Protein backbone atom coordinates (compact mmCIF):
# COMPACT_ATOMS: atom_id res chain seq x y z
CA UNK A 1 -10.76 -34.62 -51.98
CA UNK A 2 -9.38 -35.43 -48.54
CA UNK A 3 -5.64 -34.77 -48.48
CA UNK A 4 -4.28 -37.71 -46.57
CA UNK A 5 -6.86 -40.47 -46.79
CA UNK A 6 -10.07 -41.48 -48.56
CA UNK A 7 -13.23 -41.42 -46.44
CA UNK A 8 -15.49 -44.44 -46.98
CA UNK A 9 -18.92 -44.95 -45.44
CA UNK A 10 -19.77 -48.35 -43.99
CA UNK A 11 -23.56 -48.43 -44.19
CA UNK A 12 -23.88 -51.69 -42.29
CA UNK A 13 -22.12 -50.19 -39.26
CA UNK A 14 -23.28 -46.63 -39.73
CA UNK A 15 -19.70 -45.47 -39.30
CA UNK A 16 -16.84 -43.96 -41.24
CA UNK A 17 -13.43 -45.44 -41.83
CA UNK A 18 -10.25 -44.05 -43.33
CA UNK A 19 -8.42 -45.90 -46.12
CA UNK A 20 -5.31 -45.19 -48.15
CA UNK A 21 -5.77 -43.37 -51.47
CA UNK A 22 -5.88 -45.78 -54.40
CA UNK A 23 -4.55 -45.51 -57.94
CA UNK A 24 -8.08 -44.54 -58.99
CA UNK A 25 -8.06 -41.73 -56.44
CA UNK A 26 -4.72 -40.56 -57.78
CA UNK A 27 -5.99 -40.63 -61.37
CA UNK A 28 -9.01 -38.50 -60.41
CA UNK A 29 -6.86 -36.03 -58.49
CA UNK A 30 -4.44 -35.69 -61.42
CA UNK A 31 -7.17 -35.56 -64.06
CA UNK A 32 -5.75 -38.51 -66.01
CA UNK A 33 -6.70 -42.10 -66.66
CA UNK A 34 -5.81 -45.03 -64.44
CA UNK A 35 -3.76 -46.39 -67.33
CA UNK A 36 -1.67 -43.21 -67.41
CA UNK A 37 -0.99 -43.47 -63.68
CA UNK A 38 0.03 -47.09 -64.18
CA UNK A 39 2.45 -46.11 -66.96
CA UNK A 40 4.02 -43.45 -64.74
CA UNK A 41 4.29 -45.77 -61.74
CA UNK A 42 5.71 -48.74 -63.60
CA UNK A 43 7.56 -46.96 -66.43
CA UNK A 44 5.79 -49.16 -68.97
CA UNK A 45 5.63 -46.50 -71.68
CA UNK A 46 6.91 -42.94 -71.95
CA UNK A 47 4.54 -40.29 -70.56
CA UNK A 48 4.87 -36.60 -71.36
CA UNK A 49 6.85 -34.82 -68.64
CA UNK A 50 4.12 -32.26 -67.73
CA UNK A 51 1.62 -35.10 -67.31
CA UNK A 52 4.01 -37.13 -65.19
CA UNK A 53 4.73 -34.11 -62.99
CA UNK A 54 0.98 -33.53 -62.59
CA UNK A 55 0.58 -37.08 -61.40
CA UNK A 56 3.44 -36.61 -58.95
CA UNK A 57 1.96 -33.35 -57.63
CA UNK A 58 -1.41 -35.04 -57.09
CA UNK A 59 0.29 -37.94 -55.30
CA UNK A 60 1.97 -35.55 -52.88
CA UNK A 61 -1.32 -33.68 -52.32
CA UNK A 62 -3.42 -36.74 -51.45
CA UNK A 63 -0.72 -38.65 -49.59
CA UNK A 64 -0.50 -41.52 -52.08
CA UNK A 65 1.59 -44.35 -50.63
CA UNK A 66 3.58 -44.78 -53.84
CA UNK A 67 4.84 -41.18 -53.91
CA UNK A 68 8.49 -42.13 -53.15
CA UNK A 69 8.42 -44.58 -56.06
CA UNK A 70 6.97 -41.93 -58.35
CA UNK A 71 9.71 -39.50 -57.38
CA UNK A 72 12.44 -42.06 -58.04
CA UNK A 73 10.93 -42.96 -61.43
CA UNK A 74 10.59 -39.36 -62.57
CA UNK A 75 13.72 -37.84 -61.11
CA UNK A 76 16.41 -40.47 -61.56
CA UNK A 77 18.28 -38.14 -63.92
CA UNK A 78 17.57 -34.95 -62.00
CA UNK A 79 20.60 -33.48 -60.17
CA UNK A 80 20.72 -33.76 -56.40
CA UNK A 81 21.17 -30.52 -54.45
CA UNK A 82 21.33 -29.66 -50.75
CA UNK A 83 19.56 -26.59 -49.38
CA UNK A 84 20.62 -25.46 -45.90
CA UNK A 85 18.81 -23.14 -43.51
CA UNK A 86 20.22 -21.51 -40.39
CA UNK A 87 17.46 -20.25 -38.12
CA UNK A 88 17.33 -18.84 -34.60
CA UNK A 89 16.58 -20.82 -31.44
CA UNK A 90 14.04 -23.60 -31.97
CA UNK A 91 10.92 -22.10 -30.40
CA UNK A 92 7.37 -22.68 -31.64
CA UNK A 93 7.71 -20.21 -34.51
CA UNK A 94 11.07 -21.39 -35.81
CA UNK A 95 10.13 -25.06 -35.47
CA UNK A 96 7.15 -24.44 -37.76
CA UNK A 97 9.20 -22.31 -40.14
CA UNK A 98 11.86 -25.02 -40.34
CA UNK A 99 9.21 -27.60 -41.20
CA UNK A 100 7.81 -25.34 -43.91
CA UNK A 101 11.28 -24.80 -45.40
CA UNK A 102 11.91 -28.54 -45.47
CA UNK A 103 8.54 -29.16 -47.16
CA UNK A 104 9.18 -26.46 -49.77
CA UNK A 105 12.60 -27.97 -50.48
CA UNK A 106 11.18 -31.43 -51.06
CA UNK A 107 8.52 -29.95 -53.36
CA UNK A 108 11.12 -28.62 -55.83
CA UNK A 109 10.90 -30.35 -59.20
CA UNK A 110 14.13 -29.27 -60.90
CA UNK A 111 16.26 -31.05 -58.30
CA UNK A 112 16.26 -34.03 -56.02
CA UNK A 113 16.47 -31.60 -53.17
CA UNK A 114 17.66 -32.36 -49.66
CA UNK A 115 16.85 -29.91 -46.83
CA UNK A 116 19.14 -29.32 -43.85
CA UNK A 117 17.68 -27.16 -41.07
CA UNK A 118 19.93 -25.91 -38.28
CA UNK A 119 19.12 -23.69 -35.28
CA UNK A 120 21.61 -21.27 -33.76
CA UNK A 121 21.67 -21.58 -29.95
CA UNK A 122 22.04 -17.81 -29.38
CA UNK A 123 22.35 -14.45 -31.14
CA UNK A 124 26.15 -14.38 -31.07
CA UNK A 125 27.54 -13.36 -34.48
CA UNK A 126 30.53 -15.65 -33.94
CA UNK A 127 28.32 -18.67 -33.36
CA UNK A 128 26.15 -17.82 -36.36
CA UNK A 129 29.16 -17.33 -38.65
CA UNK A 130 30.73 -20.62 -37.52
CA UNK A 131 27.55 -22.62 -38.13
CA UNK A 132 26.99 -20.87 -41.45
CA UNK A 133 30.44 -21.85 -42.70
CA UNK A 134 29.86 -25.41 -41.57
CA UNK A 135 26.61 -25.62 -43.54
CA UNK A 136 28.30 -24.11 -46.56
CA UNK A 137 30.80 -26.96 -46.73
CA UNK A 138 28.20 -29.21 -48.39
CA UNK A 139 25.16 -27.03 -49.20
CA UNK A 140 24.54 -25.75 -52.72
CA UNK A 141 22.49 -22.79 -51.41
CA UNK A 142 21.94 -21.37 -47.93
CA UNK A 143 19.32 -19.16 -46.28
CA UNK A 144 19.90 -17.51 -42.93
CA UNK A 145 18.10 -15.62 -40.16
CA UNK A 146 20.78 -13.57 -38.46
CA UNK A 147 21.80 -10.36 -36.80
CA UNK A 148 23.72 -7.97 -39.04
CA UNK A 149 27.41 -8.22 -38.18
CA UNK A 150 30.76 -8.10 -40.04
CA UNK A 151 31.55 -11.70 -39.05
CA UNK A 152 28.32 -12.88 -40.65
CA UNK A 153 29.05 -10.81 -43.77
CA UNK A 154 32.54 -12.35 -43.99
CA UNK A 155 31.09 -15.85 -43.71
CA UNK A 156 28.60 -15.11 -46.50
CA UNK A 157 31.46 -13.82 -48.69
CA UNK A 158 33.32 -17.08 -48.08
CA UNK A 159 30.29 -19.12 -49.15
CA UNK A 160 29.87 -17.04 -52.29
CA UNK A 161 33.49 -17.72 -53.18
CA UNK A 162 32.72 -21.42 -52.86
CA UNK A 163 29.76 -21.03 -55.21
CA UNK A 164 27.02 -21.34 -52.58
CA UNK A 165 24.54 -18.43 -52.92
CA UNK A 166 23.29 -17.19 -49.55
CA UNK A 167 19.95 -15.52 -48.86
CA UNK A 168 18.66 -13.50 -45.91
CA UNK A 169 15.19 -14.54 -44.80
CA UNK A 170 12.85 -12.82 -42.32
CA UNK A 171 15.43 -10.12 -41.59
CA UNK A 172 17.63 -8.23 -44.02
CA UNK A 173 21.40 -8.02 -43.78
CA UNK A 174 23.54 -4.99 -44.54
CA UNK A 175 24.67 -4.12 -48.04
CA UNK A 176 28.17 -5.44 -47.37
CA UNK A 177 26.73 -8.94 -46.86
CA UNK A 178 25.25 -8.89 -50.36
CA UNK A 179 22.58 -11.44 -49.42
CA UNK A 180 19.27 -11.10 -51.31
CA UNK A 181 16.31 -10.71 -48.92
CA UNK A 182 13.07 -12.69 -48.81
CA UNK A 183 10.60 -11.75 -46.09
CA UNK A 184 8.07 -9.24 -44.77
CA UNK A 185 8.12 -5.53 -45.55
CA UNK A 186 9.28 -4.39 -42.11
CA UNK A 187 8.56 -0.74 -42.78
CA UNK A 188 4.91 -1.51 -43.42
CA UNK A 189 4.90 -3.80 -40.41
CA UNK A 190 6.06 -1.08 -38.02
CA UNK A 191 3.61 1.48 -39.38
CA UNK A 192 0.78 -1.03 -39.15
CA UNK A 193 1.62 -1.73 -35.50
CA UNK A 194 1.60 2.01 -34.76
CA UNK A 195 -1.75 2.45 -36.50
CA UNK A 196 -3.24 -0.40 -34.48
CA UNK A 197 -2.06 0.97 -31.14
CA UNK A 198 -3.14 4.52 -31.97
CA UNK A 199 -6.62 3.27 -32.84
CA UNK A 200 -6.96 0.73 -30.02
CA UNK A 201 -5.50 2.66 -27.08
CA UNK A 202 -8.14 4.01 -24.72
CA UNK A 203 -6.41 7.37 -24.40
CA UNK A 204 -3.21 9.13 -25.52
CA UNK A 205 -0.07 8.41 -23.54
CA UNK A 206 3.24 6.59 -23.60
CA UNK A 207 3.93 3.56 -25.76
CA UNK A 208 6.60 1.02 -24.89
CA UNK A 209 8.77 -0.78 -27.43
CA UNK A 210 10.58 -4.08 -26.85
CA UNK A 211 13.12 -5.41 -29.36
CA UNK A 212 15.11 -8.62 -29.39
CA UNK A 213 18.32 -7.03 -30.64
CA UNK A 214 19.19 -3.79 -32.39
CA UNK A 215 21.34 -5.83 -34.77
CA UNK A 216 18.27 -7.46 -36.34
CA UNK A 217 17.63 -5.06 -39.21
CA UNK A 218 14.01 -6.17 -39.48
CA UNK A 219 13.42 -4.99 -35.91
CA UNK A 220 15.36 -1.79 -36.40
CA UNK A 221 13.34 -0.93 -39.50
CA UNK A 222 10.05 -1.82 -37.80
CA UNK A 223 10.92 0.28 -34.74
CA UNK A 224 11.93 3.33 -36.81
CA UNK A 225 8.78 3.04 -38.91
CA UNK A 226 6.65 2.64 -35.78
CA UNK A 227 8.05 5.86 -34.33
CA UNK A 228 7.71 7.69 -37.65
CA UNK A 229 4.03 6.85 -37.95
CA UNK A 230 3.25 8.09 -34.45
CA UNK A 231 5.27 11.25 -35.01
CA UNK A 232 3.47 11.99 -38.28
CA UNK A 233 -0.06 10.82 -37.55
CA UNK A 234 -0.55 10.42 -33.79
CA UNK A 235 1.76 12.89 -31.98
CA UNK A 236 -0.33 12.58 -28.81
CA UNK A 237 1.35 9.19 -28.30
CA UNK A 238 4.93 9.24 -26.99
CA UNK A 239 7.12 6.23 -27.84
CA UNK A 240 9.56 5.29 -25.09
CA UNK A 241 13.17 4.23 -25.65
CA UNK A 242 13.17 0.54 -26.64
CA UNK A 243 14.06 -2.18 -24.18
CA UNK A 244 16.17 -5.13 -25.40
CA UNK A 245 15.20 -8.67 -24.37
CA UNK A 246 17.77 -10.67 -26.42
CA UNK A 247 14.84 -12.78 -27.68
CA UNK A 248 14.67 -14.28 -24.16
CA UNK A 249 11.17 -14.68 -22.63
CA UNK A 250 12.56 -14.34 -19.10
CA UNK A 251 14.15 -10.98 -19.85
CA UNK A 252 11.01 -9.93 -21.72
CA UNK A 253 8.87 -10.80 -18.70
CA UNK A 254 10.95 -8.61 -16.38
CA UNK A 255 11.11 -5.78 -18.93
CA UNK A 256 7.33 -5.80 -19.35
CA UNK A 257 6.61 -5.68 -15.64
CA UNK A 258 9.22 -2.98 -15.10
CA UNK A 259 7.80 -0.84 -17.90
CA UNK A 260 4.26 -1.10 -16.55
CA UNK A 261 5.43 -0.25 -13.02
CA UNK A 262 7.63 2.66 -14.10
CA UNK A 263 5.13 4.34 -16.43
CA UNK A 264 1.62 4.60 -14.96
CA UNK A 265 0.55 6.50 -18.11
CA UNK A 266 1.57 3.63 -20.39
CA UNK A 267 -1.21 2.96 -22.93
CA UNK A 268 0.42 0.62 -25.45
CA UNK A 269 3.24 -1.82 -26.05
CA UNK A 270 4.86 -3.00 -29.28
CA UNK A 271 7.03 -6.13 -29.36
CA UNK A 272 8.81 -6.19 -32.71
CA UNK A 273 11.06 -9.17 -31.95
CA UNK A 274 11.07 -12.48 -30.13
CA UNK A 275 10.47 -13.21 -26.49
CA UNK A 276 6.77 -12.37 -26.72
CA UNK A 277 5.88 -15.30 -24.47
CA UNK A 278 7.53 -13.41 -21.63
CA UNK A 279 5.70 -10.19 -22.54
CA UNK A 280 2.36 -11.99 -22.62
CA UNK A 281 3.02 -13.66 -19.28
CA UNK A 282 4.24 -10.41 -17.74
CA UNK A 283 1.18 -8.50 -18.90
CA UNK A 284 -1.15 -11.29 -17.78
CA UNK A 285 0.38 -11.28 -14.28
CA UNK A 286 0.22 -7.49 -13.89
CA UNK A 287 -3.31 -6.14 -13.13
CA UNK A 288 -2.28 -2.65 -14.26
CA UNK A 289 -1.82 -3.97 -17.80
CA UNK A 290 -5.59 -4.23 -18.30
CA UNK A 291 -6.60 -1.98 -21.15
CA UNK A 292 -3.13 -1.74 -22.69
CA UNK A 293 -3.03 -1.98 -26.48
CA UNK A 294 -0.36 -4.64 -27.10
CA UNK A 295 0.84 -5.71 -30.56
CA UNK A 296 3.41 -8.44 -31.24
CA UNK A 297 4.67 -10.63 -34.09
CA UNK A 298 3.89 -14.22 -35.10
CA UNK A 299 0.82 -16.26 -34.23
CA UNK A 300 2.38 -18.90 -31.97
CA UNK A 301 0.23 -20.89 -29.50
CA UNK A 302 1.14 -18.39 -26.76
CA UNK A 303 0.17 -15.42 -28.94
CA UNK A 304 -3.10 -17.06 -29.93
CA UNK A 305 -3.93 -17.64 -26.26
CA UNK A 306 -3.01 -14.01 -25.56
CA UNK A 307 -5.49 -12.82 -28.18
CA UNK A 308 -8.24 -15.06 -26.87
CA UNK A 309 -7.62 -13.95 -23.27
CA UNK A 310 -7.65 -10.28 -24.22
CA UNK A 311 -4.00 -9.74 -23.25
CA UNK A 312 -3.01 -8.95 -26.84
CA UNK A 313 -4.70 -6.51 -29.18
CA UNK A 314 -3.27 -7.81 -32.45
CA UNK A 315 -0.62 -10.10 -33.91
CA UNK A 316 1.26 -9.35 -37.13
CA UNK A 317 2.19 -12.76 -38.49
CA UNK A 318 4.37 -14.20 -41.24
CA UNK A 319 2.81 -16.76 -43.63
CA UNK A 320 5.74 -19.12 -43.20
CA UNK A 321 4.65 -21.63 -45.84
CA UNK A 322 4.45 -18.90 -48.48
CA UNK A 323 7.75 -17.40 -47.35
CA UNK A 324 9.40 -20.82 -47.58
CA UNK A 325 8.01 -21.37 -51.07
CA UNK A 326 9.33 -18.02 -52.34
CA UNK A 327 12.68 -18.44 -50.64
CA UNK A 328 13.19 -21.87 -52.24
CA UNK A 329 12.20 -20.53 -55.66
CA UNK A 330 14.86 -17.81 -55.36
CA UNK A 331 17.50 -20.22 -54.06
CA UNK A 332 16.81 -22.77 -56.81
CA UNK A 333 17.00 -20.06 -59.48
CA UNK A 334 20.36 -18.92 -58.09
CA UNK A 335 21.71 -22.46 -58.50
CA UNK A 336 20.37 -22.86 -62.04
CA UNK A 337 21.58 -19.46 -63.25
CA UNK A 338 24.40 -18.40 -60.90
CA UNK A 339 25.52 -15.63 -63.24
CA UNK A 340 22.24 -13.71 -62.81
CA UNK A 341 21.62 -11.32 -59.94
CA UNK A 342 18.87 -12.59 -57.64
CA UNK A 343 15.92 -10.20 -57.24
CA UNK A 344 15.86 -8.44 -53.88
CA UNK A 345 13.88 -7.76 -51.88
CA UNK A 346 11.18 -10.39 -52.37
CA UNK A 347 8.34 -9.39 -50.06
CA UNK A 348 5.64 -11.70 -48.73
CA UNK A 349 2.46 -10.10 -47.35
CA UNK A 350 2.05 -10.37 -43.59
CA UNK A 351 -1.17 -11.50 -41.93
CA UNK A 352 -3.07 -9.63 -39.23
CA UNK A 353 -4.81 -11.48 -36.40
CA UNK A 354 -7.24 -9.96 -33.93
CA UNK A 355 -9.27 -11.57 -31.11
CA UNK A 356 -12.12 -11.82 -33.61
CA UNK A 357 -10.39 -13.97 -36.26
CA UNK A 358 -8.20 -16.48 -34.43
């Protein structure tokens, strides 16, 4: 089954054309009769709820043009809820993650769910806290990517008092924030990056580390775990003190070039935060970077090009659609049963990309 359109062959022209999925296509996709689909669409007779939901799921999957009508028929009595998401600056990764969060919100069945995706312009805790409180004025549940800071924790406490559960996604927050976490296992991520560099480096030597901010607990955990692995399993590699790029590609570019120039015995580089576009560009523009084992996060277009060009050794990437799905499940459950403690952490497995599988 083709997801968004039905492919029909025109034998007289020897060509293909695309046409909208029909009711018959929808019936086949849902495994029901055309008459059942008609009853669901036109509310002629009552259809069992699981069957109706199966028809709706199939309509979404194949791009059936009557999907909005189906939703209105089936969910007229379902409560409406708003789910808000505060992400970092809208780069390629966060734009995709925001789209996945919106899609996962709209796929919820227990609510008529409305997604609101906001992007913080910088890492400032004050800015993040202000925008978080603004979202909490009308959202029934909130998820946030943020540095760990008392102002952010205070804002989360305010939202909880209003009855809006708040979740940390991608990066954990401190215990005082009390925000359940949904994201990667950052300890495993850091150790995996260290293993990759230790195996891929051409010889022992120094390994550079670039972080976006020490206040991102995900990066702090990954950095500590990276160092721990080298100390325990590859002591011939010496990790350098981390450089901070504030998630800014321009700063990351300068930091990369400076590190390569300052340490002629540099053999590897780990970027456990944002700004990797600057690192990739800096390494590409510096001839002495040839042969460096470089590992970064998230398979953005720039990272994919870096793998193909041989600038990057590996990319540890988040399956954002899966993360969005699990985050929305946790947020919806917190709305339905607010008295229960949300499970935390909820880990999603990360993906590993090499030049051989992009």
